[in-house]
Amino acid sequence: MATPRRLLVPLLLTVVALLGTAVPVAAREDPAVVTTDLGAVRGVVTDGGRAFLGVPFAAPPVGALRWRPPGPAAPWPGVRDATRAAGPCAQPARPLLGTSESTNEDCLYLNVHTPPGGGTGRPVLVWFHGGSFVSGSAAHYDPSRLARAGDMVVVTANYRLGAFGYLAHPGLGAEAPDTGSGNYGLMDQQAALRWVRDNAAAFGGDPGRVTIGGQSSGGLSVCDHLVSPLSRGLFARALVQSAPCRVAARPLARAESTGTGFATGAGCLGSAPAVVACLRAKSAADLLKVPVTGAAPWWPVSGTPVLPVPPGDAIPAGNYATVPVLTGNTLDEGTIGSVMVESSGVSLNAVTYPLVLTALFGTDGPRIAARYPASRYGGDHRLAFAAAFGDYLVACPARETAQWFAAMTPGRVFGYEFADRNAPVLYASPPGFPLGAYHGSEIPYLFDYRGTGAEVHLDPAQTRLAEAMTAAWARFAGGADPAPGTWPPVTTGPYRPLSLAPDAIAPRTGFEAGHQCDFWATVPPPTSQGPTAIDLTLPPLRTGDRR
């Protein structure tokens, strides 16, 4: 019997509804749209993968929320545009890096990159940028190559910088006894990690397979997360690049002294509440103009609920998240230190070289000058200083950091030394100065880097090195050894990190001798209270010595 036409449409609708679950998801879903716990976002889809840019992970820390722990971001209706990255957090211009001043405080946004196609359960890498805790931006790092190489989700996140991220003051500590003051940037990163925990699955990631990573101050942040009780359970692996954990925090008393001096310089006096109110009333532009002195004035703060014990004490004692770690340094970490000295107006030569070493190292200066004579470096005092400073500040402490980890997690720690002395130059360095494998030189081999505006071109051998590095980093983040059979794990014996150079990848021999680590063991070790190549501040030399 024929079906009455008046019943045909309802019947067809019923059939479609019943068959709906059989319609392929890809046929009815837009891959550019993902629903987070706060609302839907529309990103960019290309043959190279998907990118969701400028996604809020915390409330804008402006007005009364300046110098407070990050609050929850507000949900939004409809579909939010996520095709453009957010601007950088407030920071001064840094001519050496080619970066401009920013007065933007509404900056707590992150970017999510995924490989092409669908899929679930992928590993996740969360990357924290470097910049001495005073500059940088998540938008400088395009991790599309890493995402494709590792079939993983990569997240880059902004966090508050400088005084906005690391101001410690008794008045601020009194407002928030549960967290204390001085670690707002670190708490921003923790908020980003909680966002990843809650939203990774929506982008095809596994919240139980999160690796945190960073270079320079981003790597120091990772050291802090390994120790912070508020970061526990938010990650399963760690990448620590050019970041000796010994210098990853400054003590609360020193941080508050710096903060009090900063408030005075800003013209904020009186009781602690009055000082805080005065500082919050200042514009970002005015706060960026307040002078600060001393090495590393803006640095994470230990002795607070966020970071009770400095990593330099907690890690060797085993009081940290004992996860697998990939860590290392570049061969010529100290060349950027020479550039910073000369950019301060001091030309490194036979007269100034010993004076600079004495200014930085006190009574150890003369014997350091004797140990690193310019004659050993072709008569170039800039290279002599670079060798001494890089060995002291990063290379030997990087070995120390790796062996701290290896003592607690044998077989699960991997060290490297990036050694391409012809790497593309990212800094506005003096023409003709051989930076070599400088601090940060490995970055363009892992990311498409846009931080300084420098043109980055890799030759065929460098491209092969970049492919090997992205594959190794991706394997590690995915839960495997970075290069099985060719990359031995770190032991507590002689340090043999994997040397990474174009068409020359092999375990490094003679690391300790090459960087004179036995000598540096007789010099007081670096701390965030002393000189740091990442944020070098020189005491004034005598008039006439700047030549």
Protein backbone atom coordinates (compact mmCIF):
# COMPACT_ATOMS: atom_id res chain seq x y z
CA MET A 1 0.00 0.00 0.00
CA ALA A 2 1.38 3.42 -0.93
CA THR A 3 2.46 5.65 1.90
CA PRO A 4 0.29 8.80 2.16
CA ARG A 5 2.31 11.82 1.07
CA ARG A 6 1.41 13.66 4.28
CA LEU A 7 3.34 10.97 6.18
CA LEU A 8 6.33 10.87 3.83
CA VAL A 9 8.19 13.94 5.13
CA PRO A 10 7.94 12.95 8.86
CA LEU A 11 9.05 9.44 7.93
CA LEU A 12 12.08 10.70 6.00
CA LEU A 13 13.03 13.00 8.86
CA THR A 14 12.83 10.07 11.26
CA VAL A 15 15.03 7.95 9.01
CA VAL A 16 17.63 10.75 8.69
CA ALA A 17 17.64 11.23 12.45
CA LEU A 18 18.16 7.52 13.03
CA LEU A 19 20.96 7.37 10.46
CA GLY A 20 22.62 10.54 11.69
CA THR A 21 25.08 8.68 13.83
CA ALA A 22 26.27 6.88 10.72
CA VAL A 23 27.18 10.11 8.92
CA PRO A 24 30.98 10.56 9.10
CA VAL A 25 31.94 13.19 11.68
CA ALA A 26 34.31 14.90 9.25
CA ALA A 27 31.44 15.35 6.81
CA ARG A 28 29.34 17.34 9.22
CA GLU A 29 31.97 19.09 11.40
CA ASP A 30 34.12 22.08 10.50
CA PRO A 31 37.77 21.27 11.38
CA ALA A 32 38.39 25.00 11.87
CA VAL A 33 35.96 25.13 14.81
CA VAL A 34 36.71 23.62 18.21
CA THR A 35 34.61 23.96 21.34
CA THR A 36 36.56 24.77 24.51
CA ASP A 37 35.20 24.89 28.04
CA LEU A 38 34.52 28.64 27.58
CA GLY A 39 33.10 28.60 24.07
CA ALA A 40 33.83 27.74 20.47
CA VAL A 41 36.84 29.10 18.55
CA ARG A 42 37.46 29.29 14.82
CA GLY A 43 41.08 28.88 13.75
CA VAL A 44 43.01 28.51 10.51
CA VAL A 45 43.25 25.25 8.58
CA THR A 46 45.98 24.65 6.00
CA ASP A 47 47.68 21.65 4.45
CA GLY A 48 50.32 22.03 7.17
CA GLY A 49 47.92 21.77 10.10
CA ARG A 50 45.51 23.77 12.21
CA ALA A 51 46.24 26.88 14.27
CA PHE A 52 44.00 28.46 16.91
CA LEU A 53 45.51 31.79 17.89
CA GLY A 54 44.78 34.29 20.64
CA VAL A 55 42.66 31.97 22.81
CA PRO A 56 42.10 33.44 26.31
CA PHE A 57 43.14 31.25 29.23
CA ALA A 58 42.74 33.78 32.08
CA ALA A 59 41.04 37.07 32.81
CA PRO A 60 42.85 40.22 31.64
CA PRO A 61 45.13 41.21 34.57
CA VAL A 62 44.27 44.90 34.35
CA GLY A 63 43.05 47.54 36.80
CA ALA A 64 42.36 45.98 40.19
CA LEU A 65 43.58 42.60 38.84
CA ARG A 66 47.10 43.87 38.21
CA TRP A 67 49.47 41.95 40.54
CA ARG A 68 46.90 39.36 41.49
CA PRO A 69 46.83 35.65 40.67
CA PRO A 70 45.24 35.03 37.26
CA GLY A 71 41.48 34.75 37.43
CA PRO A 72 39.21 32.70 35.14
CA ALA A 73 38.54 33.98 31.65
CA ALA A 74 34.93 34.85 30.85
CA PRO A 75 32.94 32.58 28.51
CA TRP A 76 31.80 34.02 25.19
CA PRO A 77 28.75 33.47 23.01
CA GLY A 78 28.92 32.16 19.48
CA VAL A 79 32.22 31.33 17.80
CA ARG A 80 35.26 33.40 18.74
CA ASP A 81 37.73 34.38 16.03
CA ALA A 82 41.05 32.62 16.68
CA THR A 83 42.94 33.48 13.51
CA ARG A 84 45.29 36.13 14.94
CA ALA A 85 47.74 35.90 17.81
CA ALA A 86 47.43 38.29 20.73
CA GLY A 87 49.93 41.06 21.27
CA PRO A 88 52.88 40.66 23.63
CA CYS A 89 52.63 41.43 27.33
CA ALA A 90 53.89 44.81 28.56
CA GLN A 91 57.66 45.06 28.12
CA PRO A 92 60.39 47.55 27.30
CA ALA A 93 62.06 47.75 23.92
CA ARG A 94 65.18 45.59 23.61
CA PRO A 95 67.28 46.83 20.68
CA LEU A 96 69.60 43.84 20.86
CA LEU A 97 66.64 41.58 20.16
CA GLY A 98 64.97 43.96 17.74
CA THR A 99 61.78 44.06 19.84
CA SER A 100 59.60 47.11 20.49
CA GLU A 101 58.03 48.46 23.66
CA SER A 102 54.57 47.18 24.54
CA THR A 103 52.20 48.66 27.12
CA ASN A 104 49.62 45.92 26.62
CA GLU A 105 48.48 44.24 29.84
CA ASP A 106 45.52 42.36 28.37
CA CYS A 107 47.79 39.62 27.14
CA LEU A 108 46.94 36.27 28.74
CA TYR A 109 46.24 34.33 25.57
CA LEU A 110 47.67 31.17 24.07
CA ASN A 111 48.05 29.57 20.65
CA VAL A 112 47.28 25.96 19.78
CA HIS A 113 48.84 24.19 16.78
CA THR A 114 47.84 20.72 15.64
CA PRO A 115 49.00 18.54 12.74
CA PRO A 116 46.75 18.04 9.70
CA GLY A 117 43.81 15.68 9.89
CA GLY A 118 41.83 14.36 12.79
CA GLY A 119 42.88 12.06 15.58
CA THR A 120 42.79 11.91 19.34
CA GLY A 121 45.13 11.11 22.21
CA ARG A 122 48.10 13.00 20.80
CA PRO A 123 50.94 14.13 23.08
CA VAL A 124 50.96 17.83 23.98
CA LEU A 125 53.92 20.21 24.25
CA VAL A 126 53.44 23.48 26.13
CA TRP A 127 56.20 25.98 25.31
CA PHE A 128 57.18 29.01 27.42
CA HIS A 129 59.20 31.66 25.59
CA GLY A 130 62.47 33.16 26.78
CA GLY A 131 63.47 36.79 27.16
CA SER A 132 65.03 37.30 30.62
CA PHE A 133 61.54 37.37 32.18
CA VAL A 134 61.19 40.90 30.77
CA SER A 135 60.46 40.43 27.06
CA GLY A 136 59.22 38.01 24.43
CA SER A 137 55.93 36.68 23.14
CA ALA A 138 54.26 33.36 22.38
CA ALA A 139 53.55 34.66 18.87
CA HIS A 140 57.30 34.66 18.09
CA TYR A 141 57.30 30.85 17.92
CA ASP A 142 55.51 28.99 15.13
CA PRO A 143 55.66 25.31 16.16
CA SER A 144 53.94 23.89 13.09
CA ARG A 145 57.00 21.82 12.13
CA LEU A 146 57.18 20.30 15.61
CA ALA A 147 53.47 19.52 15.57
CA ARG A 148 53.77 17.72 12.23
CA ALA A 149 57.03 15.93 13.10
CA GLY A 150 55.63 14.53 16.31
CA ASP A 151 51.96 14.23 15.33
CA MET A 152 51.29 16.25 18.47
CA VAL A 153 49.55 19.34 19.77
CA VAL A 154 51.80 22.30 20.59
CA VAL A 155 50.67 25.20 22.78
CA THR A 156 52.56 28.49 23.17
CA ALA A 157 51.44 30.86 25.92
CA ASN A 158 52.01 34.47 26.96
CA TYR A 159 52.71 35.32 30.59
CA ARG A 160 53.24 38.56 32.49
CA LEU A 161 56.75 39.98 32.33
CA GLY A 162 59.03 42.35 34.21
CA ALA A 163 57.46 44.24 37.09
CA PHE A 164 53.99 43.17 35.93
CA GLY A 165 54.92 39.49 36.34
CA TYR A 166 57.49 39.43 39.12
CA LEU A 167 57.03 42.40 41.46
CA ALA A 168 57.33 41.28 45.08
CA HIS A 169 56.20 43.69 47.79
CA PRO A 170 55.00 43.18 51.38
CA GLY A 171 51.72 44.92 50.55
CA LEU A 172 51.03 42.53 47.67
CA GLY A 173 51.97 39.52 49.79
CA ALA A 174 49.51 40.61 52.48
CA GLU A 175 46.71 40.68 49.89
CA ALA A 176 47.26 37.08 48.82
CA PRO A 177 48.66 34.93 51.65
CA ASP A 178 47.78 31.74 49.72
CA THR A 179 50.20 32.60 46.92
CA GLY A 180 52.41 35.44 48.14
CA SER A 181 53.74 38.03 45.72
CA GLY A 182 56.32 38.07 42.96
CA ASN A 183 55.27 35.02 40.91
CA TYR A 184 52.42 36.34 38.77
CA GLY A 185 54.12 35.29 35.53
CA LEU A 186 54.72 31.81 36.91
CA MET A 187 51.08 31.58 38.03
CA ASP A 188 50.01 32.66 34.53
CA GLN A 189 51.92 29.69 33.15
CA GLN A 190 50.20 27.43 35.67
CA ALA A 191 46.83 28.80 34.54
CA ALA A 192 47.80 27.95 30.96
CA LEU A 193 48.70 24.41 32.05
CA ARG A 194 45.33 24.03 33.76
CA TRP A 195 43.66 25.25 30.55
CA VAL A 196 45.57 22.57 28.65
CA ARG A 197 44.45 19.93 31.17
CA ASP A 198 40.84 20.95 30.65
CA ASN A 199 40.90 21.52 26.87
CA ALA A 200 43.64 19.42 25.28
CA ALA A 201 41.21 16.66 24.31
CA ALA A 202 39.07 19.06 22.31
CA PHE A 203 42.09 19.69 20.03
CA GLY A 204 43.01 16.00 19.78
CA GLY A 205 45.51 16.01 22.63
CA ASP A 206 45.94 13.80 25.67
CA PRO A 207 45.98 15.82 28.94
CA GLY A 208 47.89 12.96 30.55
CA ARG A 209 50.79 13.28 28.08
CA VAL A 210 51.84 16.90 28.50
CA THR A 211 55.47 18.01 28.16
CA ILE A 212 56.45 21.48 29.35
CA GLY A 213 59.40 23.19 27.71
CA GLY A 214 61.23 26.45 27.33
CA GLN A 215 64.53 28.09 26.51
CA SER A 216 66.46 30.63 28.61
CA SER A 217 63.98 32.19 31.06
CA GLY A 218 61.34 29.86 29.62
CA GLY A 219 63.57 26.96 30.62
CA LEU A 220 64.14 28.49 34.06
CA SER A 221 60.35 28.58 34.38
CA VAL A 222 60.30 24.84 33.70
CA CYS A 223 62.81 24.39 36.55
CA ASP A 224 60.36 26.26 38.78
CA HIS A 225 57.40 24.15 37.69
CA LEU A 226 59.33 20.99 38.48
CA VAL A 227 59.51 22.26 42.07
CA SER A 228 56.27 24.22 42.55
CA PRO A 229 53.55 22.30 44.40
CA LEU A 230 50.94 24.16 42.32
CA SER A 231 52.30 22.62 39.10
CA ARG A 232 52.22 19.00 40.23
CA GLY A 233 50.18 16.69 38.06
CA LEU A 234 49.97 19.17 35.17
CA PHE A 235 52.79 17.65 33.07
CA ALA A 236 54.60 14.37 32.51
CA ARG A 237 57.90 15.42 30.86
CA ALA A 238 60.15 18.48 30.70
CA LEU A 239 62.43 20.27 28.22
CA VAL A 240 65.01 22.59 29.83
CA GLN A 241 67.05 24.50 27.22
CA SER A 242 69.98 26.77 28.17
CA ALA A 243 68.58 27.19 31.66
CA PRO A 244 70.67 26.11 34.65
CA CYS A 245 68.14 25.38 37.38
CA ARG A 246 70.48 26.72 40.07
CA VAL A 247 69.60 30.31 39.04
CA ALA A 248 65.86 29.81 38.54
CA ALA A 249 64.67 31.84 41.55
CA ARG A 250 65.63 34.72 43.83
CA PRO A 251 64.92 34.76 47.58
CA LEU A 252 61.85 36.58 48.85
CA ALA A 253 63.81 39.07 50.99
CA ARG A 254 65.87 40.22 48.03
CA ALA A 255 62.81 40.32 45.75
CA GLU A 256 60.89 42.45 48.24
CA SER A 257 63.87 44.78 48.59
CA THR A 258 63.88 45.23 44.81
CA GLY A 259 60.11 45.75 44.86
CA THR A 260 60.30 48.37 47.58
CA GLY A 261 62.97 50.23 45.65
CA PHE A 262 60.84 50.01 42.52
CA ALA A 263 57.85 51.49 44.34
CA THR A 264 59.99 54.35 45.62
CA GLY A 265 61.28 54.97 42.11
CA ALA A 266 57.69 55.11 40.91
CA GLY A 267 56.90 57.78 43.51
CA CYS A 268 54.71 55.48 45.61
CA LEU A 269 55.35 56.01 49.34
CA GLY A 270 53.51 55.50 52.63
CA SER A 271 51.86 52.45 54.12
CA ALA A 272 51.95 49.14 52.25
CA PRO A 273 48.30 49.38 51.12
CA ALA A 274 48.87 52.97 49.97
CA VAL A 275 51.92 51.93 47.98
CA VAL A 276 50.00 49.12 46.27
CA ALA A 277 47.10 51.42 45.44
CA CYS A 278 49.52 54.00 44.04
CA LEU A 279 51.27 51.42 41.86
CA ARG A 280 47.98 50.10 40.50
CA ALA A 281 46.97 53.64 39.56
CA LYS A 282 50.09 54.07 37.41
CA SER A 283 49.92 53.50 33.67
CA ALA A 284 51.89 50.67 32.13
CA ALA A 285 53.96 53.22 30.21
CA ASP A 286 54.91 54.98 33.45
CA LEU A 287 55.88 51.73 35.16
CA LEU A 288 58.10 50.74 32.25
CA LYS A 289 60.08 53.95 32.81
CA VAL A 290 60.85 53.25 36.48
CA PRO A 291 64.58 52.49 36.80
CA VAL A 292 65.70 49.19 38.31
CA THR A 293 69.19 48.07 39.25
CA GLY A 294 71.00 44.84 39.96
CA ALA A 295 71.28 41.56 38.09
CA ALA A 296 68.01 39.79 37.37
CA PRO A 297 65.68 42.28 39.08
CA TRP A 298 62.60 40.47 37.71
CA TRP A 299 62.85 36.76 38.40
CA PRO A 300 60.60 34.13 40.05
CA VAL A 301 60.60 34.29 43.83
CA SER A 302 61.32 31.43 46.23
CA GLY A 303 60.13 31.35 49.82
CA THR A 304 56.48 31.74 48.78
CA PRO A 305 53.58 29.26 48.61
CA VAL A 306 54.00 29.14 44.82
CA LEU A 307 57.71 28.30 45.06
CA PRO A 308 58.57 27.36 48.64
CA VAL A 309 62.12 26.13 47.93
CA PRO A 310 64.47 27.33 45.17
CA PRO A 311 65.08 24.73 42.45
CA GLY A 312 68.83 24.89 43.15
CA ASP A 313 68.11 23.40 46.57
CA ALA A 314 65.05 21.25 45.84
CA ILE A 315 66.22 19.39 42.75
CA PRO A 316 69.52 17.97 44.07
CA ALA A 317 67.62 16.90 47.20
CA GLY A 318 65.08 15.04 45.05
CA ASN A 319 62.19 17.28 46.08
CA TYR A 320 60.71 17.83 42.62
CA ALA A 321 58.50 16.16 40.04
CA THR A 322 60.78 13.33 38.95
CA VAL A 323 59.78 13.17 35.29
CA PRO A 324 61.93 12.43 32.22
CA VAL A 325 63.95 15.49 31.18
CA LEU A 326 65.70 16.58 27.99
CA THR A 327 68.13 19.37 28.79
CA GLY A 328 71.21 21.06 27.38
CA ASN A 329 73.07 24.12 26.22
CA THR A 330 74.69 25.70 23.17
CA LEU A 331 78.43 25.51 22.56
CA ASP A 332 79.01 29.28 22.72
CA GLU A 333 76.48 30.48 25.30
CA GLY A 334 78.64 33.41 26.42
CA THR A 335 78.98 35.33 23.14
CA ILE A 336 75.72 37.12 23.84
CA GLY A 337 77.29 38.25 27.13
CA SER A 338 80.11 39.94 25.21
CA VAL A 339 77.57 41.67 23.00
CA MET A 340 75.70 42.91 26.07
CA VAL A 341 78.89 44.24 27.67
CA GLU A 342 79.83 46.16 24.55
CA SER A 343 76.28 47.42 24.04
CA SER A 344 76.55 48.96 27.53
CA GLY A 345 79.38 51.15 26.25
CA VAL A 346 82.34 49.06 27.42
CA SER A 347 84.65 47.88 24.65
CA LEU A 348 86.34 44.63 25.67
CA ASN A 349 90.09 45.02 25.23
CA ALA A 350 93.34 44.50 27.12
CA VAL A 351 92.50 47.31 29.55
CA THR A 352 88.84 46.64 30.22
CA TYR A 353 88.80 42.82 30.09
CA PRO A 354 90.31 42.26 33.57
CA LEU A 355 88.28 45.18 34.97
CA VAL A 356 85.02 43.69 33.73
CA LEU A 357 85.89 40.28 35.16
CA THR A 358 86.74 41.85 38.52
CA ALA A 359 83.53 43.89 38.45
CA LEU A 360 81.53 40.71 37.92
CA PHE A 361 83.53 38.12 39.89
CA GLY A 362 85.30 40.17 42.56
CA THR A 363 88.58 38.73 43.80
CA ASP A 364 88.23 35.75 41.43
CA GLY A 365 88.48 38.11 38.44
CA PRO A 366 92.29 38.05 38.03
CA ARG A 367 92.60 34.27 38.07
CA ILE A 368 89.69 33.97 35.61
CA ALA A 369 91.54 36.37 33.31
CA ALA A 370 94.65 34.22 33.63
CA ARG A 371 92.66 31.05 32.94
CA TYR A 372 91.02 32.59 29.86
CA PRO A 373 93.75 34.72 28.25
CA ALA A 374 92.86 36.49 25.03
CA SER A 375 95.88 34.87 23.39
CA ARG A 376 94.00 31.58 23.48
CA TYR A 377 91.22 33.17 21.42
CA GLY A 378 93.21 34.80 18.67
CA GLY A 379 93.85 37.90 20.78
CA ASP A 380 90.12 38.73 20.83
CA HIS A 381 89.09 39.77 24.35
CA ARG A 382 85.44 39.51 23.37
CA LEU A 383 85.84 35.80 22.66
CA ALA A 384 87.87 35.29 25.83
CA PHE A 385 85.12 36.89 27.92
CA ALA A 386 82.46 34.93 26.03
CA ALA A 387 84.20 31.62 26.73
CA ALA A 388 84.65 32.37 30.42
CA PHE A 389 81.16 33.67 30.93
CA GLY A 390 79.43 30.93 28.96
CA ASP A 391 81.34 28.16 30.73
CA TYR A 392 80.61 29.71 34.13
CA LEU A 393 76.99 30.62 33.71
CA VAL A 394 75.47 27.96 31.44
CA ALA A 395 77.68 25.12 30.19
CA CYS A 396 79.00 23.75 33.49
CA PRO A 397 75.74 24.48 35.36
CA ALA A 398 73.83 22.73 32.54
CA ARG A 399 75.94 19.64 33.15
CA GLU A 400 75.25 20.01 36.87
CA THR A 401 71.50 20.30 36.24
CA ALA A 402 71.45 17.23 33.98
CA GLN A 403 73.30 15.15 36.54
CA TRP A 404 71.00 16.29 39.33
CA PHE A 405 68.10 14.89 37.34
CA ALA A 406 69.98 11.73 36.35
CA ALA A 407 70.76 10.93 39.99
CA MET A 408 67.03 10.70 40.71
CA THR A 409 65.75 9.29 37.40
CA PRO A 410 68.57 7.22 35.82
CA GLY A 411 68.00 6.34 32.19
CA ARG A 412 65.34 9.02 31.76
CA VAL A 413 67.47 12.15 31.30
CA PHE A 414 69.02 13.20 27.98
CA GLY A 415 71.60 15.95 27.49
CA TYR A 416 72.59 17.83 24.34
CA GLU A 417 74.97 20.55 23.20
CA PHE A 418 73.92 22.52 20.13
CA ALA A 419 77.14 23.12 18.16
CA ASP A 420 76.35 24.78 14.81
CA ARG A 421 78.70 27.78 14.84
CA ASN A 422 77.20 29.00 11.56
CA ALA A 423 73.63 29.15 12.85
CA PRO A 424 71.44 32.01 11.56
CA VAL A 425 71.94 35.12 13.69
CA LEU A 426 68.80 36.33 15.46
CA TYR A 427 70.35 39.23 17.39
CA ALA A 428 71.29 42.72 16.33
CA SER A 429 74.94 41.93 17.08
CA PRO A 430 77.96 43.98 15.98
CA PRO A 431 78.94 43.26 12.36
CA GLY A 432 81.77 40.80 12.10
CA PHE A 433 81.59 39.49 15.66
CA PRO A 434 81.55 35.66 15.53
CA LEU A 435 78.61 34.68 17.73
CA GLY A 436 79.09 30.99 16.97
CA ALA A 437 76.56 28.62 18.54
CA TYR A 438 75.22 31.44 20.70
CA HIS A 439 72.53 31.50 23.40
CA GLY A 440 69.26 30.76 21.59
CA SER A 441 70.85 29.62 18.33
CA GLU A 442 68.99 26.30 18.41
CA ILE A 443 65.56 27.94 18.34
CA PRO A 444 65.17 28.33 14.53
CA TYR A 445 65.99 24.62 14.15
CA LEU A 446 62.90 23.75 16.18
CA PHE A 447 60.50 26.61 15.42
CA ASP A 448 59.81 29.03 12.62
CA TYR A 449 60.98 31.97 14.72
CA ARG A 450 59.67 35.51 14.17
CA GLY A 451 60.87 37.21 17.32
CA THR A 452 63.53 39.57 16.03
CA GLY A 453 62.55 40.13 12.43
CA ALA A 454 65.81 38.51 11.32
CA GLU A 455 65.78 36.54 8.08
CA VAL A 456 66.29 32.86 8.86
CA HIS A 457 67.65 30.64 6.11
CA LEU A 458 68.97 27.13 6.67
CA ASP A 459 71.29 25.50 4.15
CA PRO A 460 70.75 21.83 3.22
CA ALA A 461 72.98 20.48 6.00
CA GLN A 462 71.32 22.75 8.57
CA THR A 463 67.92 21.65 7.29
CA ARG A 464 68.89 18.03 7.91
CA LEU A 465 69.98 18.98 11.42
CA ALA A 466 66.67 20.77 11.99
CA GLU A 467 64.78 17.68 10.81
CA ALA A 468 66.77 15.45 13.16
CA MET A 469 66.19 17.82 16.09
CA THR A 470 62.46 18.21 15.54
CA ALA A 471 62.15 14.43 15.25
CA ALA A 472 64.11 13.90 18.49
CA TRP A 473 62.24 16.58 20.44
CA ALA A 474 58.94 15.21 19.15
CA ARG A 475 59.84 11.63 20.07
CA PHE A 476 60.74 12.74 23.57
CA ALA A 477 57.50 14.70 23.98
CA GLY A 478 55.64 11.67 22.68
CA GLY A 479 56.99 9.52 25.52
CA ALA A 480 59.95 7.81 23.85
CA ASP A 481 63.72 8.20 23.94
CA PRO A 482 64.72 11.08 21.64
CA ALA A 483 67.03 8.98 19.40
CA PRO A 484 67.21 5.30 20.38
CA GLY A 485 70.66 3.78 19.99
CA THR A 486 72.45 7.05 19.23
CA TRP A 487 71.58 9.25 22.20
CA PRO A 488 72.74 7.69 25.48
CA PRO A 489 71.04 8.92 28.65
CA VAL A 490 72.92 11.07 31.13
CA THR A 491 74.75 9.34 33.96
CA THR A 492 76.47 10.69 37.06
CA GLY A 493 79.83 9.85 35.46
CA PRO A 494 81.60 11.82 32.72
CA TYR A 495 79.11 14.04 30.95
CA ARG A 496 78.58 13.05 27.32
CA PRO A 497 75.69 15.06 25.88
CA LEU A 498 74.73 14.57 22.25
CA SER A 499 76.55 17.17 20.12
CA LEU A 500 74.19 18.59 17.50
CA ALA A 501 75.96 19.99 14.44
CA PRO A 502 75.19 19.78 10.70
CA ASP A 503 75.99 16.27 9.49
CA ALA A 504 77.86 15.68 12.75
CA ILE A 505 75.54 14.33 15.43
CA ALA A 506 77.43 12.25 17.98
CA PRO A 507 78.05 12.02 21.74
CA ARG A 508 80.32 14.85 22.88
CA THR A 509 83.60 13.83 24.47
CA GLY A 510 85.69 16.09 26.68
CA PHE A 511 82.81 18.33 27.75
CA GLU A 512 84.21 19.02 31.23
CA ALA A 513 87.69 19.81 29.93
CA GLY A 514 86.43 21.88 27.03
CA HIS A 515 84.38 24.09 29.35
CA GLN A 516 86.91 23.95 32.22
CA CYS A 517 84.30 22.72 34.70
CA ASP A 518 86.94 21.63 37.23
CA PHE A 519 88.19 25.22 37.39
CA TRP A 520 84.69 26.65 37.79
CA ALA A 521 84.08 24.28 40.68
CA THR A 522 86.57 26.45 42.61
CA VAL A 523 84.58 29.66 41.91
CA PRO A 524 81.36 30.45 43.79
CA PRO A 525 78.56 29.09 41.59
CA PRO A 526 76.14 31.39 39.77
CA THR A 527 72.93 32.40 41.48
CA SER A 528 70.14 34.80 40.56
CA GLN A 529 71.83 37.26 42.92
CA GLY A 530 75.03 37.34 40.89
CA PRO A 531 75.89 38.09 37.26
CA THR A 532 73.73 36.45 34.63
CA ALA A 533 74.44 36.43 30.93
CA ILE A 534 70.73 36.35 30.31
CA ASP A 535 70.24 39.70 32.01
CA LEU A 536 73.73 41.19 32.37
CA THR A 537 74.16 44.30 34.51
CA LEU A 538 77.65 45.68 34.91
CA PRO A 539 78.78 47.76 37.88
CA PRO A 540 80.09 51.11 36.63
CA LEU A 541 83.72 51.15 35.61
CA ARG A 542 86.02 54.07 36.31
CA THR A 543 85.88 57.06 34.00
CA GLY A 544 88.29 56.43 31.16
CA ASP A 545 87.94 52.66 31.26
CA ARG A 546 85.15 52.59 28.67
CA ARG A 547 87.30 52.43 25.58
